[in-house]
Amino acid sequence: MASFRIDRISEEVRTAVDNAIRGMNDPRVTGTYSITRADVTRDLRYAKIYVSVLEEDKAKDLLKALKSAAGYLRRELGRQVDLRYTPELLFELDRNIAYGAHISEILSHLNPGDGEKEKE
């Protein structure tokens, strides 16, 4: 299988899982979150779903809720995306946005005079 096919399937899985999560009636799935990406293995057996959560204190509860609803979400994924195998969903917390903000803060402290030059 070509790499572009796996990329297309990964994007379809990300969209379908996001729609299925938004349709859930679980009270633990609240707050501001987003599905940043999905990585589907080449054999289409597993899909690692990366979830970014704005409120850090709700992240643990959200991941626990998603892991417990993985069977339901897999069934909904199978209904929305036509694949030979419906991948097993593995959820992970995506900390890239927080890490990027941290790096940006460090860089702004290293060069405090650069911001003044850009304003002129």
PDB file of N, CA and C in Angstrom:
ATOM      1  N   MET A   1       0.842  -1.184   0.000  1.00  0.00           N
ATOM      2  CA  MET A   1       0.000   0.000   0.000  1.00  0.00           C
ATOM      3  C   MET A   1       0.878   1.234   0.000  1.00  0.00           C
ATOM      4  N   ALA A   2       0.429   2.200  -0.728  1.00  0.00           N
ATOM      5  CA  ALA A   2       1.175   3.447  -0.814  1.00  0.00           C
ATOM      6  C   ALA A   2       0.940   4.286   0.433  1.00  0.00           C
ATOM      7  N   SER A   3       1.908   5.131   0.711  1.00  0.00           N
ATOM      8  CA  SER A   3       1.847   5.972   1.900  1.00  0.00           C
ATOM      9  C   SER A   3       0.685   6.958   1.835  1.00  0.00           C
ATOM     10  N   PHE A   4       0.409   7.489   0.646  1.00  0.00           N
ATOM     11  CA  PHE A   4      -0.679   8.451   0.527  1.00  0.00           C
ATOM     12  C   PHE A   4      -2.029   7.811   0.837  1.00  0.00           C
ATOM     13  N   ARG A   5      -2.177   6.524   0.585  1.00  0.00           N
ATOM     14  CA  ARG A   5      -3.429   5.832   0.909  1.00  0.00           C
ATOM     15  C   ARG A   5      -3.609   5.741   2.419  1.00  0.00           C
ATOM     16  N   ILE A   6      -2.544   5.408   3.131  1.00  0.00           N
ATOM     17  CA  ILE A   6      -2.611   5.343   4.590  1.00  0.00           C
ATOM     18  C   ILE A   6      -2.910   6.729   5.162  1.00  0.00           C
ATOM     19  N   ASP A   7      -2.337   7.774   4.566  1.00  0.00           N
ATOM     20  CA  ASP A   7      -2.612   9.140   5.025  1.00  0.00           C
ATOM     21  C   ASP A   7      -4.083   9.500   4.828  1.00  0.00           C
ATOM     22  N   ARG A   8      -4.651   9.122   3.699  1.00  0.00           N
ATOM     23  CA  ARG A   8      -6.072   9.389   3.448  1.00  0.00           C
ATOM     24  C   ARG A   8      -6.955   8.624   4.423  1.00  0.00           C
ATOM     25  N   ILE A   9      -6.615   7.367   4.658  1.00  0.00           N
ATOM     26  CA  ILE A   9      -7.387   6.549   5.602  1.00  0.00           C
ATOM     27  C   ILE A   9      -7.267   7.124   7.005  1.00  0.00           C
ATOM     28  N   SER A  10      -6.077   7.556   7.392  1.00  0.00           N
ATOM     29  CA  SER A  10      -5.879   8.147   8.717  1.00  0.00           C
ATOM     30  C   SER A  10      -6.737   9.391   8.895  1.00  0.00           C
ATOM     31  N   GLU A  11      -6.823  10.206   7.869  1.00  0.00           N
ATOM     32  CA  GLU A  11      -7.649  11.416   7.960  1.00  0.00           C
ATOM     33  C   GLU A  11      -9.132  11.071   8.031  1.00  0.00           C
ATOM     34  N   GLU A  12      -9.564  10.069   7.283  1.00  0.00           N
ATOM     35  CA  GLU A  12     -10.957   9.629   7.361  1.00  0.00           C
ATOM     36  C   GLU A  12     -11.278   9.064   8.749  1.00  0.00           C
ATOM     37  N   VAL A  13     -10.354   8.313   9.311  1.00  0.00           N
ATOM     38  CA  VAL A  13     -10.550   7.752  10.651  1.00  0.00           C
ATOM     39  C   VAL A  13     -10.627   8.883  11.667  1.00  0.00           C
ATOM     40  N   ARG A  14      -9.747   9.876  11.554  1.00  0.00           N
ATOM     41  CA  ARG A  14      -9.768  11.013  12.477  1.00  0.00           C
ATOM     42  C   ARG A  14     -11.104  11.732  12.437  1.00  0.00           C
ATOM     43  N   THR A  15     -11.613  11.997  11.245  1.00  0.00           N
ATOM     44  CA  THR A  15     -12.883  12.694  11.087  1.00  0.00           C
ATOM     45  C   THR A  15     -14.043  11.862  11.638  1.00  0.00           C
ATOM     46  N   ALA A  16     -14.056  10.574  11.324  1.00  0.00           N
ATOM     47  CA  ALA A  16     -15.156   9.708  11.772  1.00  0.00           C
ATOM     48  C   ALA A  16     -15.156   9.548  13.288  1.00  0.00           C
ATOM     49  N   VAL A  17     -13.986   9.393  13.889  1.00  0.00           N
ATOM     50  CA  VAL A  17     -13.909   9.251  15.342  1.00  0.00           C
ATOM     51  C   VAL A  17     -14.314  10.557  16.015  1.00  0.00           C
ATOM     52  N   ASP A  18     -13.910  11.680  15.450  1.00  0.00           N
ATOM     53  CA  ASP A  18     -14.299  12.981  16.004  1.00  0.00           C
ATOM     54  C   ASP A  18     -15.817  13.141  15.971  1.00  0.00           C
ATOM     55  N   ASN A  19     -16.445  12.771  14.864  1.00  0.00           N
ATOM     56  CA  ASN A  19     -17.906  12.849  14.766  1.00  0.00           C
ATOM     57  C   ASN A  19     -18.590  11.912  15.761  1.00  0.00           C
ATOM     58  N   ALA A  20     -18.027  10.723  15.933  1.00  0.00           N
ATOM     59  CA  ALA A  20     -18.620   9.759  16.861  1.00  0.00           C
ATOM     60  C   ALA A  20     -18.491  10.240  18.307  1.00  0.00           C
ATOM     61  N   ILE A  21     -17.369  10.851  18.647  1.00  0.00           N
ATOM     62  CA  ILE A  21     -17.185  11.366  20.010  1.00  0.00           C
ATOM     63  C   ILE A  21     -18.155  12.504  20.272  1.00  0.00           C
ATOM     64  N   ARG A  22     -18.342  13.372  19.292  1.00  0.00           N
ATOM     65  CA  ARG A  22     -19.264  14.501  19.465  1.00  0.00           C
ATOM     66  C   ARG A  22     -20.705  14.005  19.647  1.00  0.00           C
ATOM     67  N   GLY A  23     -21.028  12.822  19.133  1.00  0.00           N
ATOM     68  CA  GLY A  23     -22.361  12.263  19.274  1.00  0.00           C
ATOM     69  C   GLY A  23     -22.581  11.462  20.543  1.00  0.00           C
ATOM     70  N   MET A  24     -21.538  11.288  21.342  1.00  0.00           N
ATOM     71  CA  MET A  24     -21.658  10.526  22.585  1.00  0.00           C
ATOM     72  C   MET A  24     -22.386  11.337  23.648  1.00  0.00           C
ATOM     73  N   ASN A  25     -23.068  10.644  24.547  1.00  0.00           N
ATOM     74  CA  ASN A  25     -23.771  11.288  25.657  1.00  0.00           C
ATOM     75  C   ASN A  25     -23.098  10.982  26.985  1.00  0.00           C
ATOM     76  N   ASP A  26     -21.800  10.917  27.008  1.00  0.00           N
ATOM     77  CA  ASP A  26     -21.051  10.628  28.220  1.00  0.00           C
ATOM     78  C   ASP A  26     -20.734  11.944  28.931  1.00  0.00           C
ATOM     79  N   PRO A  27     -21.111  12.082  30.199  1.00  0.00           N
ATOM     80  CA  PRO A  27     -20.844  13.345  30.908  1.00  0.00           C
ATOM     81  C   PRO A  27     -19.359  13.606  31.138  1.00  0.00           C
ATOM     82  N   ARG A  28     -18.517  12.576  31.028  1.00  0.00           N
ATOM     83  CA  ARG A  28     -17.074  12.777  31.210  1.00  0.00           C
ATOM     84  C   ARG A  28     -16.431  13.418  29.994  1.00  0.00           C
ATOM     85  N   VAL A  29     -17.116  13.355  28.858  1.00  0.00           N
ATOM     86  CA  VAL A  29     -16.580  13.940  27.627  1.00  0.00           C
ATOM     87  C   VAL A  29     -17.105  15.368  27.537  1.00  0.00           C
ATOM     88  N   THR A  30     -16.448  16.252  28.275  1.00  0.00           N
ATOM     89  CA  THR A  30     -16.815  17.662  28.277  1.00  0.00           C
ATOM     90  C   THR A  30     -15.556  18.495  28.138  1.00  0.00           C
ATOM     91  N   GLY A  31     -15.739  19.787  27.993  1.00  0.00           N
ATOM     92  CA  GLY A  31     -14.597  20.681  27.884  1.00  0.00           C
ATOM     93  C   GLY A  31     -14.161  20.855  26.447  1.00  0.00           C
ATOM     94  N   THR A  32     -13.083  21.559  26.314  1.00  0.00           N
ATOM     95  CA  THR A  32     -12.557  21.847  24.983  1.00  0.00           C
ATOM     96  C   THR A  32     -11.454  20.845  24.657  1.00  0.00           C
ATOM     97  N   TYR A  33     -11.685  20.061  23.645  1.00  0.00           N
ATOM     98  CA  TYR A  33     -10.715  19.070  23.192  1.00  0.00           C
ATOM     99  C   TYR A  33     -10.763  19.012  21.679  1.00  0.00           C
ATOM    100  N   SER A  34      -9.739  18.427  21.110  1.00  0.00           N
ATOM    101  CA  SER A  34      -9.750  18.204  19.671  1.00  0.00           C
ATOM    102  C   SER A  34      -8.953  16.942  19.362  1.00  0.00           C
ATOM    103  N   ILE A  35      -9.356  16.301  18.308  1.00  0.00           N
ATOM    104  CA  ILE A  35      -8.627  15.142  17.805  1.00  0.00           C
ATOM    105  C   ILE A  35      -7.600  15.694  16.827  1.00  0.00           C
ATOM    106  N   THR A  36      -6.334  15.689  17.227  1.00  0.00           N
ATOM    107  CA  THR A  36      -5.319  16.332  16.402  1.00  0.00           C
ATOM    108  C   THR A  36      -4.891  15.477  15.220  1.00  0.00           C
ATOM    109  N   ARG A  37      -4.752  14.177  15.456  1.00  0.00           N
ATOM    110  CA  ARG A  37      -4.400  13.305  14.320  1.00  0.00           C
ATOM    111  C   ARG A  37      -4.692  11.858  14.668  1.00  0.00           C
ATOM    112  N   ALA A  38      -4.670  11.041  13.644  1.00  0.00           N
ATOM    113  CA  ALA A  38      -4.835   9.599  13.806  1.00  0.00           C
ATOM    114  C   ALA A  38      -3.752   8.923  12.975  1.00  0.00           C
ATOM    115  N   ASP A  39      -3.095   7.970  13.569  1.00  0.00           N
ATOM    116  CA  ASP A  39      -2.077   7.189  12.865  1.00  0.00           C
ATOM    117  C   ASP A  39      -2.573   5.759  12.744  1.00  0.00           C
ATOM    118  N   VAL A  40      -2.861   5.352  11.518  1.00  0.00           N
ATOM    119  CA  VAL A  40      -3.340   3.997  11.251  1.00  0.00           C
ATOM    120  C   VAL A  40      -2.153   3.163  10.797  1.00  0.00           C
ATOM    121  N   THR A  41      -2.035   1.959  11.342  1.00  0.00           N
ATOM    122  CA  THR A  41      -0.938   1.082  10.940  1.00  0.00           C
ATOM    123  C   THR A  41      -1.142   0.614   9.505  1.00  0.00           C
ATOM    124  N   ARG A  42      -0.078   0.130   8.899  1.00  0.00           N
ATOM    125  CA  ARG A  42      -0.141  -0.282   7.492  1.00  0.00           C
ATOM    126  C   ARG A  42      -1.110  -1.436   7.259  1.00  0.00           C
ATOM    127  N   ASP A  43      -1.273  -2.305   8.255  1.00  0.00           N
ATOM    128  CA  ASP A  43      -2.192  -3.438   8.083  1.00  0.00           C
ATOM    129  C   ASP A  43      -3.632  -3.096   8.489  1.00  0.00           C
ATOM    130  N   LEU A  44      -3.886  -1.848   8.858  1.00  0.00           N
ATOM    131  CA  LEU A  44      -5.208  -1.324   9.206  1.00  0.00           C
ATOM    132  C   LEU A  44      -5.813  -2.002  10.440  1.00  0.00           C
ATOM    133  N   ARG A  45      -4.991  -2.555  11.300  1.00  0.00           N
ATOM    134  CA  ARG A  45      -5.497  -3.240  12.488  1.00  0.00           C
ATOM    135  C   ARG A  45      -5.616  -2.299  13.688  1.00  0.00           C
ATOM    136  N   TYR A  46      -4.754  -1.287  13.773  1.00  0.00           N
ATOM    137  CA  TYR A  46      -4.740  -0.379  14.909  1.00  0.00           C
ATOM    138  C   TYR A  46      -4.711   1.065  14.428  1.00  0.00           C
ATOM    139  N   ALA A  47      -5.344   1.924  15.209  1.00  0.00           N
ATOM    140  CA  ALA A  47      -5.315   3.361  14.937  1.00  0.00           C
ATOM    141  C   ALA A  47      -5.033   4.070  16.249  1.00  0.00           C
ATOM    142  N   LYS A  48      -3.957   4.822  16.288  1.00  0.00           N
ATOM    143  CA  LYS A  48      -3.620   5.600  17.471  1.00  0.00           C
ATOM    144  C   LYS A  48      -4.208   6.994  17.275  1.00  0.00           C
ATOM    145  N   ILE A  49      -5.115   7.357  18.168  1.00  0.00           N
ATOM    146  CA  ILE A  49      -5.828   8.625  18.089  1.00  0.00           C
ATOM    147  C   ILE A  49      -5.211   9.581  19.114  1.00  0.00           C
ATOM    148  N   TYR A  50      -4.755  10.743  18.651  1.00  0.00           N
ATOM    149  CA  TYR A  50      -4.145  11.736  19.529  1.00  0.00           C
ATOM    150  C   TYR A  50      -5.179  12.805  19.872  1.00  0.00           C
ATOM    151  N   VAL A  51      -5.366  13.023  21.178  1.00  0.00           N
ATOM    152  CA  VAL A  51      -6.372  13.957  21.677  1.00  0.00           C
ATOM    153  C   VAL A  51      -5.655  15.090  22.405  1.00  0.00           C
ATOM    154  N   SER A  52      -5.984  16.314  22.036  1.00  0.00           N
ATOM    155  CA  SER A  52      -5.451  17.492  22.708  1.00  0.00           C
ATOM    156  C   SER A  52      -6.562  18.102  23.554  1.00  0.00           C
ATOM    157  N   VAL A  53      -6.250  18.387  24.826  1.00  0.00           N
ATOM    158  CA  VAL A  53      -7.243  18.900  25.763  1.00  0.00           C
ATOM    159  C   VAL A  53      -6.771  20.258  26.264  1.00  0.00           C
ATOM    160  N   LEU A  54      -7.668  21.239  26.239  1.00  0.00           N
ATOM    161  CA  LEU A  54      -7.308  22.578  26.685  1.00  0.00           C
ATOM    162  C   LEU A  54      -7.170  22.645  28.197  1.00  0.00           C
ATOM    163  N   GLU A  55      -8.136  22.093  28.935  1.00  0.00           N
ATOM    164  CA  GLU A  55      -8.058  22.070  30.397  1.00  0.00           C
ATOM    165  C   GLU A  55      -7.274  20.836  30.826  1.00  0.00           C
ATOM    166  N   GLU A  56      -6.099  21.054  31.374  1.00  0.00           N
ATOM    167  CA  GLU A  56      -5.215  19.949  31.734  1.00  0.00           C
ATOM    168  C   GLU A  56      -5.805  19.061  32.831  1.00  0.00           C
ATOM    169  N   ASP A  57      -6.633  19.624  33.725  1.00  0.00           N
ATOM    170  CA  ASP A  57      -7.200  18.829  34.816  1.00  0.00           C
ATOM    171  C   ASP A  57      -8.274  17.859  34.339  1.00  0.00           C
ATOM    172  N   LYS A  58      -8.866  18.097  33.162  1.00  0.00           N
ATOM    173  CA  LYS A  58      -9.903  17.207  32.642  1.00  0.00           C
ATOM    174  C   LYS A  58      -9.359  16.157  31.674  1.00  0.00           C
ATOM    175  N   ALA A  59      -8.081  16.231  31.386  1.00  0.00           N
ATOM    176  CA  ALA A  59      -7.488  15.343  30.382  1.00  0.00           C
ATOM    177  C   ALA A  59      -7.553  13.880  30.802  1.00  0.00           C
ATOM    178  N   LYS A  60      -7.260  13.613  32.071  1.00  0.00           N
ATOM    179  CA  LYS A  60      -7.229  12.225  32.536  1.00  0.00           C
ATOM    180  C   LYS A  60      -8.620  11.591  32.474  1.00  0.00           C
ATOM    181  N   ASP A  61      -9.637  12.339  32.897  1.00  0.00           N
ATOM    182  CA  ASP A  61     -11.004  11.822  32.847  1.00  0.00           C
ATOM    183  C   ASP A  61     -11.473  11.612  31.411  1.00  0.00           C
ATOM    184  N   LEU A  62     -11.104  12.524  30.535  1.00  0.00           N
ATOM    185  CA  LEU A  62     -11.497  12.400  29.130  1.00  0.00           C
ATOM    186  C   LEU A  62     -10.873  11.161  28.503  1.00  0.00           C
ATOM    187  N   LEU A  63      -9.579  10.941  28.727  1.00  0.00           N
ATOM    188  CA  LEU A  63      -8.928   9.758  28.165  1.00  0.00           C
ATOM    189  C   LEU A  63      -9.518   8.473  28.730  1.00  0.00           C
ATOM    190  N   LYS A  64      -9.849   8.485  30.014  1.00  0.00           N
ATOM    191  CA  LYS A  64     -10.466   7.301  30.622  1.00  0.00           C
ATOM    192  C   LYS A  64     -11.825   7.021  29.988  1.00  0.00           C
ATOM    193  N   ALA A  65     -12.598   8.077  29.737  1.00  0.00           N
ATOM    194  CA  ALA A  65     -13.907   7.911  29.107  1.00  0.00           C
ATOM    195  C   ALA A  65     -13.769   7.396  27.681  1.00  0.00           C
ATOM    196  N   LEU A  66     -12.801   7.919  26.948  1.00  0.00           N
ATOM    197  CA  LEU A  66     -12.608   7.490  25.562  1.00  0.00           C
ATOM    198  C   LEU A  66     -12.139   6.037  25.497  1.00  0.00           C
ATOM    199  N   LYS A  67     -11.268   5.654  26.418  1.00  0.00           N
ATOM    200  CA  LYS A  67     -10.794   4.262  26.426  1.00  0.00           C
ATOM    201  C   LYS A  67     -11.918   3.300  26.781  1.00  0.00           C
ATOM    202  N   SER A  68     -12.815   3.724  27.665  1.00  0.00           N
ATOM    203  CA  SER A  68     -13.921   2.836  28.019  1.00  0.00           C
ATOM    204  C   SER A  68     -14.972   2.769  26.913  1.00  0.00           C
ATOM    205  N   ALA A  69     -15.050   3.805  26.084  1.00  0.00           N
ATOM    206  CA  ALA A  69     -16.008   3.829  24.978  1.00  0.00           C
ATOM    207  C   ALA A  69     -15.374   3.410  23.655  1.00  0.00           C
ATOM    208  N   ALA A  70     -14.200   2.807  23.699  1.00  0.00           N
ATOM    209  CA  ALA A  70     -13.489   2.453  22.470  1.00  0.00           C
ATOM    210  C   ALA A  70     -14.285   1.467  21.612  1.00  0.00           C
ATOM    211  N   GLY A  71     -15.004   0.546  22.219  1.00  0.00           N
ATOM    212  CA  GLY A  71     -15.800  -0.411  21.452  1.00  0.00           C
ATOM    213  C   GLY A  71     -16.926   0.264  20.695  1.00  0.00           C
ATOM    214  N   TYR A  72     -17.617   1.163  21.375  1.00  0.00           N
ATOM    215  CA  TYR A  72     -18.692   1.928  20.724  1.00  0.00           C
ATOM    216  C   TYR A  72     -18.126   2.775  19.586  1.00  0.00           C
ATOM    217  N   LEU A  73     -17.021   3.444  19.842  1.00  0.00           N
ATOM    218  CA  LEU A  73     -16.421   4.306  18.814  1.00  0.00           C
ATOM    219  C   LEU A  73     -15.920   3.488  17.629  1.00  0.00           C
ATOM    220  N   ARG A  74     -15.416   2.296  17.894  1.00  0.00           N
ATOM    221  CA  ARG A  74     -14.965   1.418  16.811  1.00  0.00           C
ATOM    222  C   ARG A  74     -16.143   0.981  15.947  1.00  0.00           C
ATOM    223  N   ARG A  75     -17.263   0.670  16.599  1.00  0.00           N
ATOM    224  CA  ARG A  75     -18.454   0.280  15.837  1.00  0.00           C
ATOM    225  C   ARG A  75     -18.937   1.437  14.969  1.00  0.00           C
ATOM    226  N   GLU A  76     -18.965   2.651  15.523  1.00  0.00           N
ATOM    227  CA  GLU A  76     -19.375   3.820  14.749  1.00  0.00           C
ATOM    228  C   GLU A  76     -18.400   4.090  13.606  1.00  0.00           C
ATOM    229  N   LEU A  77     -17.127   3.872  13.855  1.00  0.00           N
ATOM    230  CA  LEU A  77     -16.123   4.034  12.798  1.00  0.00           C
ATOM    231  C   LEU A  77     -16.367   3.041  11.669  1.00  0.00           C
ATOM    232  N   GLY A  78     -16.693   1.805  12.022  1.00  0.00           N
ATOM    233  CA  GLY A  78     -16.986   0.782  11.018  1.00  0.00           C
ATOM    234  C   GLY A  78     -18.203   1.122  10.181  1.00  0.00           C
ATOM    235  N   ARG A  79     -19.169   1.816  10.776  1.00  0.00           N
ATOM    236  CA  ARG A  79     -20.354   2.224  10.021  1.00  0.00           C
ATOM    237  C   ARG A  79     -20.069   3.381   9.070  1.00  0.00           C
ATOM    238  N   GLN A  80     -19.162   4.268   9.467  1.00  0.00           N
ATOM    239  CA  GLN A  80     -18.907   5.473   8.670  1.00  0.00           C
ATOM    240  C   GLN A  80     -17.846   5.278   7.593  1.00  0.00           C
ATOM    241  N   VAL A  81     -16.846   4.452   7.871  1.00  0.00           N
ATOM    242  CA  VAL A  81     -15.732   4.264   6.939  1.00  0.00           C
ATOM    243  C   VAL A  81     -15.734   2.817   6.470  1.00  0.00           C
ATOM    244  N   ASP A  82     -15.747   2.624   5.177  1.00  0.00           N
ATOM    245  CA  ASP A  82     -15.794   1.290   4.596  1.00  0.00           C
ATOM    246  C   ASP A  82     -14.375   0.759   4.413  1.00  0.00           C
ATOM    247  N   LEU A  83     -13.947  -0.087   5.361  1.00  0.00           N
ATOM    248  CA  LEU A  83     -12.629  -0.711   5.314  1.00  0.00           C
ATOM    249  C   LEU A  83     -12.782  -2.214   5.493  1.00  0.00           C
ATOM    250  N   ARG A  84     -11.788  -2.950   5.055  1.00  0.00           N
ATOM    251  CA  ARG A  84     -11.824  -4.392   5.248  1.00  0.00           C
ATOM    252  C   ARG A  84     -11.793  -4.726   6.738  1.00  0.00           C
ATOM    253  N   TYR A  85     -10.903  -4.070   7.466  1.00  0.00           N
ATOM    254  CA  TYR A  85     -10.807  -4.251   8.911  1.00  0.00           C
ATOM    255  C   TYR A  85     -11.060  -2.904   9.578  1.00  0.00           C
ATOM    256  N   THR A  86     -11.900  -2.923  10.588  1.00  0.00           N
ATOM    257  CA  THR A  86     -12.084  -1.706  11.379  1.00  0.00           C
ATOM    258  C   THR A  86     -10.986  -1.699  12.429  1.00  0.00           C
ATOM    259  N   PRO A  87     -10.149  -0.665  12.424  1.00  0.00           N
ATOM    260  CA  PRO A  87      -9.001  -0.669  13.340  1.00  0.00           C
ATOM    261  C   PRO A  87      -9.409  -0.551  14.808  1.00  0.00           C
ATOM    262  N   GLU A  88      -8.613  -1.174  15.654  1.00  0.00           N
ATOM    263  CA  GLU A  88      -8.784  -1.028  17.101  1.00  0.00           C
ATOM    264  C   GLU A  88      -8.248   0.346  17.483  1.00  0.00           C
ATOM    265  N   LEU A  89      -9.001   1.064  18.307  1.00  0.00           N
ATOM    266  CA  LEU A  89      -8.652   2.445  18.639  1.00  0.00           C
ATOM    267  C   LEU A  89      -7.849   2.514  19.922  1.00  0.00           C
ATOM    268  N   LEU A  90      -6.720   3.211  19.849  1.00  0.00           N
ATOM    269  CA  LEU A  90      -5.866   3.452  21.007  1.00  0.00           C
ATOM    270  C   LEU A  90      -5.758   4.960  21.183  1.00  0.00           C
ATOM    271  N   PHE A  91      -6.125   5.456  22.352  1.00  0.00           N
ATOM    272  CA  PHE A  91      -6.154   6.900  22.589  1.00  0.00           C
ATOM    273  C   PHE A  91      -4.924   7.330  23.383  1.00  0.00           C
ATOM    274  N   GLU A  92      -4.338   8.462  22.950  1.00  0.00           N
ATOM    275  CA  GLU A  92      -3.188   9.037  23.648  1.00  0.00           C
ATOM    276  C   GLU A  92      -3.370  10.534  23.731  1.00  0.00           C
ATOM    277  N   LEU A  93      -2.813  11.108  24.794  1.00  0.00           N
ATOM    278  CA  LEU A  93      -2.874  12.539  24.999  1.00  0.00           C
ATOM    279  C   LEU A  93      -1.796  13.208  24.153  1.00  0.00           C
ATOM    280  N   ASP A  94      -2.182  14.214  23.390  1.00  0.00           N
ATOM    281  CA  ASP A  94      -1.256  14.945  22.542  1.00  0.00           C
ATOM    282  C   ASP A  94      -0.828  16.213  23.272  1.00  0.00           C
ATOM    283  N   ARG A  95       0.436  16.292  23.627  1.00  0.00           N
ATOM    284  CA  ARG A  95       0.950  17.434  24.372  1.00  0.00           C
ATOM    285  C   ARG A  95       1.765  18.377  23.485  1.00  0.00           C
ATOM    286  N   ASN A  96       1.679  18.258  22.181  1.00  0.00           N
ATOM    287  CA  ASN A  96       2.478  19.083  21.281  1.00  0.00           C
ATOM    288  C   ASN A  96       2.118  20.562  21.366  1.00  0.00           C
ATOM    289  N   ILE A  97       0.859  20.893  21.548  1.00  0.00           N
ATOM    290  CA  ILE A  97       0.455  22.294  21.602  1.00  0.00           C
ATOM    291  C   ILE A  97       1.014  22.949  22.862  1.00  0.00           C
ATOM    292  N   ALA A  98       0.908  22.270  23.994  1.00  0.00           N
ATOM    293  CA  ALA A  98       1.453  22.802  25.239  1.00  0.00           C
ATOM    294  C   ALA A  98       2.979  22.906  25.161  1.00  0.00           C
ATOM    295  N   TYR A  99       3.604  21.934  24.530  1.00  0.00           N
ATOM    296  CA  TYR A  99       5.050  21.958  24.379  1.00  0.00           C
ATOM    297  C   TYR A  99       5.482  23.125  23.491  1.00  0.00           C
ATOM    298  N   GLY A 100       4.751  23.365  22.416  1.00  0.00           N
ATOM    299  CA  GLY A 100       5.055  24.487  21.527  1.00  0.00           C
ATOM    300  C   GLY A 100       4.894  25.828  22.226  1.00  0.00           C
ATOM    301  N   ALA A 101       3.858  25.944  23.059  1.00  0.00           N
ATOM    302  CA  ALA A 101       3.666  27.180  23.820  1.00  0.00           C
ATOM    303  C   ALA A 101       4.791  27.374  24.822  1.00  0.00           C
ATOM    304  N   HIS A 102       5.248  26.295  25.428  1.00  0.00           N
ATOM    305  CA  HIS A 102       6.360  26.367  26.377  1.00  0.00           C
ATOM    306  C   HIS A 102       7.641  26.822  25.678  1.00  0.00           C
ATOM    307  N   ILE A 103       7.941  26.267  24.532  1.00  0.00           N
ATOM    308  CA  ILE A 103       9.127  26.653  23.763  1.00  0.00           C
ATOM    309  C   ILE A 103       9.034  28.108  23.338  1.00  0.00           C
ATOM    310  N   SER A 104       7.855  28.539  22.914  1.00  0.00           N
ATOM    311  CA  SER A 104       7.657  29.925  22.522  1.00  0.00           C
ATOM    312  C   SER A 104       7.903  30.875  23.698  1.00  0.00           C
ATOM    313  N   GLU A 105       7.454  30.484  24.872  1.00  0.00           N
ATOM    314  CA  GLU A 105       7.674  31.301  26.066  1.00  0.00           C
ATOM    315  C   GLU A 105       9.161  31.401  26.390  1.00  0.00           C
ATOM    316  N   ILE A 106       9.873  30.291  26.283  1.00  0.00           N
ATOM    317  CA  ILE A 106      11.316  30.290  26.542  1.00  0.00           C
ATOM    318  C   ILE A 106      12.027  31.199  25.550  1.00  0.00           C
ATOM    319  N   LEU A 107      11.667  31.107  24.282  1.00  0.00           N
ATOM    320  CA  LEU A 107      12.302  31.938  23.265  1.00  0.00           C
ATOM    321  C   LEU A 107      12.003  33.418  23.476  1.00  0.00           C
ATOM    322  N   SER A 108      10.811  33.738  23.938  1.00  0.00           N
ATOM    323  CA  SER A 108      10.488  35.147  24.164  1.00  0.00           C
ATOM    324  C   SER A 108      11.285  35.709  25.341  1.00  0.00           C
ATOM    325  N   HIS A 109      11.642  34.860  26.317  1.00  0.00           N
ATOM    326  CA  HIS A 109      12.461  35.317  27.442  1.00  0.00           C
ATOM    327  C   HIS A 109      13.924  35.461  27.044  1.00  0.00           C
ATOM    328  N   LEU A 110      14.369  34.699  26.060  1.00  0.00           N
ATOM    329  CA  LEU A 110      15.763  34.791  25.620  1.00  0.00           C
ATOM    330  C   LEU A 110      16.031  36.078  24.852  1.00  0.00           C
ATOM    331  N   ASN A 111      15.090  36.507  24.040  1.00  0.00           N
ATOM    332  CA  ASN A 111      15.258  37.692  23.210  1.00  0.00           C
ATOM    333  C   ASN A 111      14.157  38.701  23.486  1.00  0.00           C
ATOM    334  N   PRO A 112      14.174  39.360  24.629  1.00  0.00           N
ATOM    335  CA  PRO A 112      13.083  40.298  24.936  1.00  0.00           C
ATOM    336  C   PRO A 112      13.106  41.543  24.068  1.00  0.00           C
ATOM    337  N   GLY A 113      14.213  41.921  23.485  1.00  0.00           N
ATOM    338  CA  GLY A 113      14.307  43.121  22.656  1.00  0.00           C
ATOM    339  C   GLY A 113      13.800  42.932  21.243  1.00  0.00           C
ATOM    340  N   ASP A 114      13.654  41.700  20.780  1.00  0.00           N
ATOM    341  CA  ASP A 114      13.216  41.465  19.404  1.00  0.00           C
ATOM    342  C   ASP A 114      11.793  41.933  19.169  1.00  0.00           C
ATOM    343  N   GLY A 115      10.924  41.810  20.147  1.00  0.00           N
ATOM    344  CA  GLY A 115       9.542  42.223  19.995  1.00  0.00           C
ATOM    345  C   GLY A 115       9.403  43.719  19.799  1.00  0.00           C
ATOM    346  N   GLU A 116      10.290  44.509  20.410  1.00  0.00           N
ATOM    347  CA  GLU A 116      10.244  45.960  20.269  1.00  0.00           C
ATOM    348  C   GLU A 116      10.695  46.391  18.886  1.00  0.00           C
ATOM    349  N   LYS A 117      11.647  45.670  18.292  1.00  0.00           N
ATOM    350  CA  LYS A 117      12.143  46.010  16.953  1.00  0.00           C
ATOM    351  C   LYS A 117      11.070  45.758  15.908  1.00  0.00           C
ATOM    352  N   GLU A 118      10.266  44.699  16.103  1.00  0.00           N
ATOM    353  CA  GLU A 118       9.231  44.368  15.130  1.00  0.00           C
ATOM    354  C   GLU A 118       8.121  45.385  15.157  1.00  0.00           C
ATOM    355  N   LYS A 119       7.855  46.032  16.305  1.00  0.00           N
ATOM    356  CA  LYS A 119       6.777  47.001  16.408  1.00  0.00           C
ATOM    357  C   LYS A 119       7.100  48.295  15.688  1.00  0.00           C
ATOM    358  N   GLU A 120       8.386  48.634  15.552  1.00  0.00           N
ATOM    359  CA  GLU A 120       8.789  49.893  14.904  1.00  0.00           C
ATOM    360  C   GLU A 120       8.630  49.888  13.434  1.00  0.00           C
TER     361      GLU A 120
END
